Amino acid sequence: MIDQTGSPPPPHKRRVRYSGKYPRRFEEKYKEHDPGRYAETVAKVLVSGKTPAGTHRPIMVAGILEALAPRPGDVAVDCTLGFGGHARELLARIQPGGRLLGLDSDPIELPKAEARLRGLGFGPEVFISLRRNFAGLPQALWEAQIQGADMILADLGVSSMQLDDPGRGFSMKNDGPLDMRMNPGRGQPASALLAGIRAEPLRVLLEENADEPHAATLAPVLAGKQFDGTTALARAVRAALPRLNKEDGDDSIRRVFQALRVAVNDEFSALETFLRQLPACLNPGGRAAVLSFHSGEDRRVKKSFQAGLRAGLYAEASEVLRAEPEERRANPRSTPAKLRWARRSK
């Protein structure tokens, strides 16, 4: 059949097939990727305590809203836009008259999040997005013509879209390239980092970035080695720790992946820069909330907020807050989350 332009139609492309009753690979989960058509399947995934493929469930939404206390007309910044779940809740509460600036360094996920929020009716007059790391927050505010923010949120966790996509290399769940870069166009992948590092610096990296108790054993096994993918690295970690049971071995693998991801993306340096600049980016009385997921992050946030209190930059800072038991049961990825907030002096 020829269309009116004289060109034959594109050939029909068959859907990806999978063996067994349920799809296991990320790209095979076509129903989860199309919630509008397969709402019942997505609902079942959510009830089971899992996150549908290609999506993300925002964590501690109620606690964040209580900490930031958004009101109509406020100016908000979401420093880690991700899937846009937190931003959606903030945008709904700062209308009418409010504006939200969303930042994210991920060139793959940022356009999707922007389209998602635009589809909910948040036009450019109320929602601006910029591809930026939050370490560049002052420049981003200047570019968006915002003098100061009434609330600033930073969710330091890796999004489910990144973790679950094997092509990004963040997880041991499925085999994929050993990459782990938030922005695949910048820096070196984790495979190159491992291939070029010596044992002692790797030991320090594993201890400082992930509190890995077996760092001294793992470092000489992994340093300077070429790994063709995430599964190969996971196998090497498990083989180096033969006395650990499967659960403890999995924990060490996750910590190794975490340590490499932090190093590849220079996450601690970016966080420290962000925390130094944070008070100056808040309006008087403005609030900041930071959601962290491991001790290295939380320790830096805690010390920064305490130092700001002593210096008179902050009038108030919270103790650590955790997800409620109901949320931890419904979304296990919320279990390690730690929320801290601070209020700028007037």
Protein backbone atom coordinates (compact mmCIF):
# COMPACT_ATOMS: atom_id res chain seq x y z
CA MET A 1 0.00 0.00 0.00
CA ILE A 2 1.31 3.45 -0.98
CA ASP A 3 0.32 6.62 0.89
CA GLN A 4 -0.53 9.96 -0.75
CA THR A 5 3.12 11.03 -0.78
CA GLY A 6 4.05 8.01 -2.89
CA SER A 7 6.09 6.43 -0.14
CA PRO A 8 5.41 2.96 1.23
CA PRO A 9 4.40 2.83 4.90
CA PRO A 10 7.08 1.86 7.45
CA PRO A 11 7.25 -1.88 8.09
CA HIS A 12 5.28 -3.19 11.04
CA LYS A 13 7.51 -3.58 14.09
CA ARG A 14 6.67 -6.49 16.35
CA ARG A 15 6.54 -5.94 20.08
CA VAL A 16 9.44 -7.36 22.10
CA ARG A 17 8.66 -10.92 23.14
CA TYR A 18 9.80 -12.53 26.33
CA SER A 19 9.97 -16.04 27.71
CA GLY A 20 7.92 -17.09 30.71
CA LYS A 21 4.76 -15.62 32.20
CA TYR A 22 6.11 -12.22 33.22
CA PRO A 23 8.68 -9.95 31.52
CA ARG A 24 11.96 -9.57 33.41
CA ARG A 25 14.04 -7.25 31.28
CA PHE A 26 13.48 -3.48 31.44
CA GLU A 27 12.82 -3.10 27.71
CA GLU A 28 10.31 -5.98 27.69
CA LYS A 29 7.97 -4.40 30.25
CA TYR A 30 5.89 -2.66 27.61
CA LYS A 31 2.76 -2.55 29.80
CA GLU A 32 4.56 -0.71 32.60
CA HIS A 33 5.96 1.74 30.06
CA ASP A 34 2.42 2.57 28.87
CA PRO A 35 0.37 3.28 32.03
CA GLY A 36 -2.37 5.05 30.07
CA ARG A 37 -3.19 1.82 28.24
CA TYR A 38 -2.32 -0.71 30.94
CA ALA A 39 -3.41 1.02 34.14
CA GLU A 40 -4.44 -2.25 35.78
CA THR A 41 -0.98 -3.78 35.32
CA VAL A 42 0.72 -0.66 36.70
CA ALA A 43 -1.62 -0.71 39.72
CA LYS A 44 -0.64 -4.33 40.44
CA VAL A 45 3.06 -3.43 40.29
CA LEU A 46 2.53 -0.58 42.75
CA VAL A 47 0.53 -2.75 45.16
CA SER A 48 3.37 -5.29 45.16
CA GLY A 49 5.73 -2.63 46.54
CA LYS A 50 7.63 -2.20 43.28
CA THR A 51 8.11 0.76 40.96
CA PRO A 52 6.80 0.39 37.38
CA ALA A 53 9.53 0.40 34.75
CA GLY A 54 10.49 3.85 33.47
CA THR A 55 8.84 5.69 36.38
CA HIS A 56 9.76 6.93 39.83
CA ARG A 57 7.81 7.20 43.08
CA PRO A 58 8.63 10.40 44.96
CA ILE A 59 9.80 9.73 48.50
CA MET A 60 8.64 11.39 51.74
CA VAL A 61 6.31 13.77 49.91
CA ALA A 62 4.27 14.60 53.03
CA GLY A 63 7.38 15.28 55.13
CA ILE A 64 8.89 17.49 52.44
CA LEU A 65 5.67 19.51 52.04
CA GLU A 66 5.48 19.97 55.80
CA ALA A 67 9.12 21.08 55.95
CA LEU A 68 8.90 23.52 53.04
CA ALA A 69 5.35 24.79 53.78
CA PRO A 70 4.63 25.98 50.21
CA ARG A 71 2.10 28.79 49.78
CA PRO A 72 0.54 30.53 46.77
CA GLY A 73 2.95 33.00 45.22
CA ASP A 74 6.13 31.32 46.51
CA VAL A 75 9.26 30.81 44.42
CA ALA A 76 10.50 27.23 44.61
CA VAL A 77 13.55 25.37 43.30
CA ASP A 78 13.69 21.63 42.78
CA CYS A 79 17.42 21.02 42.38
CA THR A 80 17.02 17.40 41.27
CA LEU A 81 13.92 17.29 39.10
CA GLY A 82 14.09 13.57 38.25
CA PHE A 83 10.66 12.23 37.31
CA GLY A 84 9.03 15.46 38.50
CA GLY A 85 6.98 13.99 41.35
CA HIS A 86 8.09 16.41 44.07
CA ALA A 87 7.92 19.34 41.64
CA ARG A 88 4.34 18.45 40.72
CA GLU A 89 3.25 18.62 44.36
CA LEU A 90 5.06 21.90 44.95
CA LEU A 91 3.71 23.51 41.78
CA ALA A 92 0.15 22.66 42.76
CA ARG A 93 0.59 24.41 46.12
CA ILE A 94 2.35 27.59 45.02
CA GLN A 95 -0.41 28.54 42.58
CA PRO A 96 -1.66 31.07 41.85
CA GLY A 97 1.31 33.35 41.33
CA GLY A 98 4.13 30.95 42.21
CA ARG A 99 7.08 29.81 40.10
CA LEU A 100 9.26 26.73 40.20
CA LEU A 101 12.73 26.29 38.74
CA GLY A 102 13.65 22.66 38.06
CA LEU A 103 17.26 21.57 37.64
CA ASP A 104 18.68 18.24 36.52
CA SER A 105 21.98 17.25 34.92
CA ASP A 106 20.54 14.18 33.17
CA PRO A 107 20.01 15.00 29.47
CA ILE A 108 17.96 11.83 28.97
CA GLU A 109 15.40 12.25 31.76
CA LEU A 110 15.09 16.06 31.96
CA PRO A 111 13.14 16.49 28.67
CA LYS A 112 10.76 13.72 29.75
CA ALA A 113 10.11 15.37 33.11
CA GLU A 114 9.55 18.75 31.49
CA ALA A 115 7.07 17.27 29.00
CA ARG A 116 5.29 15.46 31.84
CA LEU A 117 4.82 18.68 33.85
CA ARG A 118 3.84 20.70 30.78
CA GLY A 119 1.20 18.06 30.10
CA LEU A 120 -0.26 18.75 33.54
CA GLY A 121 -0.77 22.39 32.55
CA PHE A 122 2.32 24.02 34.08
CA GLY A 123 3.42 26.47 31.39
CA PRO A 124 6.71 28.39 31.13
CA GLU A 125 5.28 31.27 33.15
CA VAL A 126 5.18 29.04 36.26
CA PHE A 127 7.71 26.28 35.52
CA ILE A 128 11.23 26.67 34.13
CA SER A 129 13.66 23.80 33.61
CA LEU A 130 17.41 23.99 33.13
CA ARG A 131 19.99 21.26 32.55
CA ARG A 132 22.31 22.02 35.45
CA ASN A 133 24.00 20.28 38.34
CA PHE A 134 22.81 21.84 41.60
CA ALA A 135 26.38 22.92 42.34
CA GLY A 136 25.62 25.69 39.83
CA LEU A 137 22.50 26.89 41.65
CA PRO A 138 23.46 30.61 41.86
CA GLN A 139 24.11 30.78 38.11
CA ALA A 140 20.83 28.93 37.42
CA LEU A 141 18.88 31.43 39.54
CA TRP A 142 20.50 34.31 37.67
CA GLU A 143 19.69 32.73 34.31
CA ALA A 144 16.05 32.22 35.37
CA GLN A 145 15.92 35.85 36.62
CA ILE A 146 15.18 34.74 40.17
CA GLN A 147 16.77 36.83 42.92
CA GLY A 148 16.03 34.39 45.73
CA ALA A 149 13.93 31.35 46.53
CA ASP A 150 11.35 30.81 49.25
CA MET A 151 12.07 27.06 49.24
CA ILE A 152 14.79 24.83 47.82
CA LEU A 153 14.58 21.04 47.61
CA ALA A 154 17.40 18.62 46.79
CA ASP A 155 16.65 14.89 46.53
CA LEU A 156 20.08 13.26 46.37
CA GLY A 157 18.85 9.79 45.42
CA VAL A 158 19.29 8.10 42.06
CA SER A 159 15.90 7.92 40.36
CA SER A 160 14.20 4.62 39.60
CA MET A 161 14.34 5.41 35.88
CA GLN A 162 18.13 5.51 36.08
CA LEU A 163 18.50 2.51 38.41
CA ASP A 164 16.20 0.24 36.43
CA ASP A 165 17.46 1.04 32.92
CA PRO A 166 20.32 -1.41 32.24
CA GLY A 167 21.69 0.91 29.59
CA ARG A 168 22.71 3.42 32.29
CA GLY A 169 24.78 0.87 34.25
CA PHE A 170 23.72 1.99 37.74
CA SER A 171 22.55 -1.37 39.05
CA MET A 172 23.44 -5.06 39.20
CA LYS A 173 19.82 -6.07 38.47
CA ASN A 174 20.39 -6.50 34.73
CA ASP A 175 23.54 -6.63 32.64
CA GLY A 176 24.54 -3.41 30.96
CA PRO A 177 27.53 -1.19 30.25
CA LEU A 178 29.46 -0.18 33.38
CA ASP A 179 28.75 3.53 32.97
CA MET A 180 26.93 5.20 35.93
CA ARG A 181 27.25 8.77 34.63
CA MET A 182 24.28 11.04 35.36
CA ASN A 183 25.25 12.94 32.22
CA PRO A 184 26.56 10.36 29.74
CA GLY A 185 28.15 13.13 27.71
CA ARG A 186 30.58 14.19 30.44
CA GLY A 187 33.42 12.54 32.33
CA GLN A 188 34.55 8.93 32.29
CA PRO A 189 32.39 5.84 32.88
CA ALA A 190 32.89 3.62 35.90
CA SER A 191 34.64 1.02 33.74
CA ALA A 192 37.37 3.52 32.88
CA LEU A 193 37.70 4.61 36.51
CA LEU A 194 38.28 1.00 37.64
CA ALA A 195 40.68 0.27 34.81
CA GLY A 196 42.86 3.25 35.71
CA ILE A 197 42.89 3.19 39.52
CA ARG A 198 45.36 1.53 41.90
CA ALA A 199 44.40 -0.63 44.86
CA GLU A 200 45.03 1.85 47.69
CA PRO A 201 43.07 4.77 46.20
CA LEU A 202 40.25 2.34 45.43
CA ARG A 203 40.24 1.10 49.02
CA VAL A 204 39.86 4.68 50.25
CA LEU A 205 37.14 5.35 47.67
CA LEU A 206 35.13 2.29 48.76
CA GLU A 207 35.40 3.22 52.43
CA GLU A 208 34.69 6.94 52.09
CA ASN A 209 31.95 6.75 49.46
CA ALA A 210 30.05 3.71 50.72
CA ASP A 211 31.38 2.58 54.13
CA GLU A 212 32.29 -0.78 52.55
CA PRO A 213 33.66 -3.02 55.36
CA HIS A 214 35.48 -5.31 52.92
CA ALA A 215 37.23 -2.51 51.02
CA ALA A 216 40.73 -3.82 51.81
CA THR A 217 39.84 -7.22 50.34
CA LEU A 218 38.01 -5.90 47.28
CA ALA A 219 40.38 -3.12 46.22
CA PRO A 220 43.30 -5.27 44.96
CA VAL A 221 40.87 -7.60 43.17
CA LEU A 222 39.03 -4.82 41.31
CA ALA A 223 41.67 -2.12 40.78
CA GLY A 224 43.17 -1.90 37.32
CA LYS A 225 40.79 -4.48 35.88
CA GLN A 226 38.65 -4.28 32.75
CA PHE A 227 34.98 -5.18 33.24
CA ASP A 228 32.75 -5.53 30.21
CA GLY A 229 29.53 -4.83 32.13
CA THR A 230 27.67 -4.60 35.39
CA THR A 231 27.20 -8.36 35.74
CA ALA A 232 30.93 -9.00 35.38
CA LEU A 233 31.68 -6.51 38.18
CA ALA A 234 29.03 -8.05 40.43
CA ARG A 235 30.48 -11.54 39.84
CA ALA A 236 33.98 -10.31 40.68
CA VAL A 237 32.81 -8.78 43.97
CA ARG A 238 30.98 -11.95 44.94
CA ALA A 239 33.96 -14.14 44.03
CA ALA A 240 36.27 -11.99 46.16
CA LEU A 241 34.03 -12.52 49.22
CA PRO A 242 33.22 -16.26 49.07
CA ARG A 243 32.39 -16.58 52.78
CA LEU A 244 29.51 -14.09 52.64
CA ASN A 245 25.97 -15.35 52.24
CA LYS A 246 23.96 -14.10 49.27
CA GLU A 247 22.28 -11.24 51.15
CA ASP A 248 25.53 -9.88 52.58
CA GLY A 249 27.21 -10.35 49.21
CA ASP A 250 24.45 -8.37 47.51
CA ASP A 251 24.93 -5.58 50.05
CA SER A 252 28.64 -5.38 49.24
CA ILE A 253 27.91 -5.31 45.52
CA ARG A 254 25.45 -2.45 46.03
CA ARG A 255 28.02 -0.54 48.10
CA VAL A 256 30.68 -1.00 45.40
CA PHE A 257 28.26 0.32 42.77
CA GLN A 258 27.37 3.25 45.03
CA ALA A 259 31.00 4.13 45.69
CA LEU A 260 31.83 4.11 41.98
CA ARG A 261 28.74 6.17 41.09
CA VAL A 262 29.62 8.81 43.69
CA ALA A 263 33.16 9.02 42.32
CA VAL A 264 32.17 9.05 38.64
CA ASN A 265 29.74 11.92 39.18
CA ASP A 266 31.86 13.76 41.79
CA GLU A 267 28.75 13.80 43.97
CA PHE A 268 30.30 14.77 47.30
CA SER A 269 32.13 17.76 45.84
CA ALA A 270 28.94 18.94 44.13
CA LEU A 271 26.96 18.52 47.36
CA GLU A 272 29.50 20.47 49.42
CA THR A 273 29.46 23.31 46.87
CA PHE A 274 25.65 23.35 46.90
CA LEU A 275 25.48 23.43 50.71
CA ARG A 276 27.96 26.34 50.91
CA GLN A 277 25.90 28.38 48.45
CA LEU A 278 22.49 27.40 49.80
CA PRO A 279 21.91 30.14 52.43
CA ALA A 280 22.67 32.91 49.96
CA CYS A 281 20.14 31.48 47.50
CA LEU A 282 17.27 31.56 50.01
CA ASN A 283 15.11 34.57 50.71
CA PRO A 284 14.98 35.68 54.38
CA GLY A 285 12.89 33.09 56.22
CA GLY A 286 13.14 30.71 53.27
CA ARG A 287 13.38 26.96 53.81
CA ALA A 288 15.65 24.26 52.40
CA ALA A 289 15.09 20.50 52.50
CA VAL A 290 17.63 17.84 51.56
CA LEU A 291 16.76 14.18 51.11
CA SER A 292 19.82 11.91 51.39
CA PHE A 293 20.26 8.14 51.09
CA HIS A 294 23.56 7.20 52.70
CA SER A 295 25.73 8.30 55.57
CA GLY A 296 28.25 10.28 53.51
CA GLU A 297 25.53 12.55 52.19
CA ASP A 298 23.62 12.90 55.46
CA ARG A 299 26.81 13.67 57.40
CA ARG A 300 27.62 16.57 55.07
CA VAL A 301 24.08 17.97 55.23
CA LYS A 302 24.00 17.71 59.04
CA LYS A 303 27.35 19.47 59.48
CA SER A 304 26.44 22.21 57.02
CA PHE A 305 23.12 22.98 58.69
CA GLN A 306 24.75 22.95 62.14
CA ALA A 307 27.49 25.31 60.95
CA GLY A 308 24.85 27.60 59.46
CA LEU A 309 23.02 27.68 62.79
CA ARG A 310 26.20 28.65 64.65
CA ALA A 311 26.97 31.36 62.10
CA GLY A 312 23.45 32.80 62.30
CA LEU A 313 22.68 31.98 58.67
CA TYR A 314 19.92 29.59 59.70
CA ALA A 315 17.38 30.30 62.40
CA GLU A 316 16.30 26.68 62.73
CA ALA A 317 17.37 23.22 61.58
CA SER A 318 15.65 19.88 62.04
CA GLU A 319 16.86 16.58 63.36
CA VAL A 320 16.86 13.73 60.88
CA LEU A 321 13.43 12.56 59.69
CA ARG A 322 12.64 9.14 58.18
CA ALA A 323 9.91 7.72 55.97
CA GLU A 324 6.87 6.41 57.81
CA PRO A 325 6.55 2.61 58.18
CA GLU A 326 3.62 2.56 55.74
CA GLU A 327 5.73 4.21 53.03
CA ARG A 328 8.69 1.91 53.67
CA ARG A 329 6.42 -1.11 53.22
CA ALA A 330 4.78 0.28 50.08
CA ASN A 331 8.04 1.56 48.55
CA PRO A 332 11.16 -0.20 49.88
CA ARG A 333 13.39 2.34 48.13
CA SER A 334 12.28 4.89 50.74
CA THR A 335 13.82 2.85 53.58
CA PRO A 336 17.29 4.47 53.64
CA ALA A 337 15.96 8.00 53.06
CA LYS A 338 16.92 10.73 55.55
CA LEU A 339 15.32 14.17 55.42
CA ARG A 340 16.75 17.30 57.01
CA TRP A 341 15.50 20.86 56.65
CA ALA A 342 16.66 24.32 57.69
CA ARG A 343 15.07 27.80 57.76
CA ARG A 344 17.06 30.87 56.71
CA SER A 345 17.37 33.71 59.20
CA LYS A 346 15.30 36.84 58.55
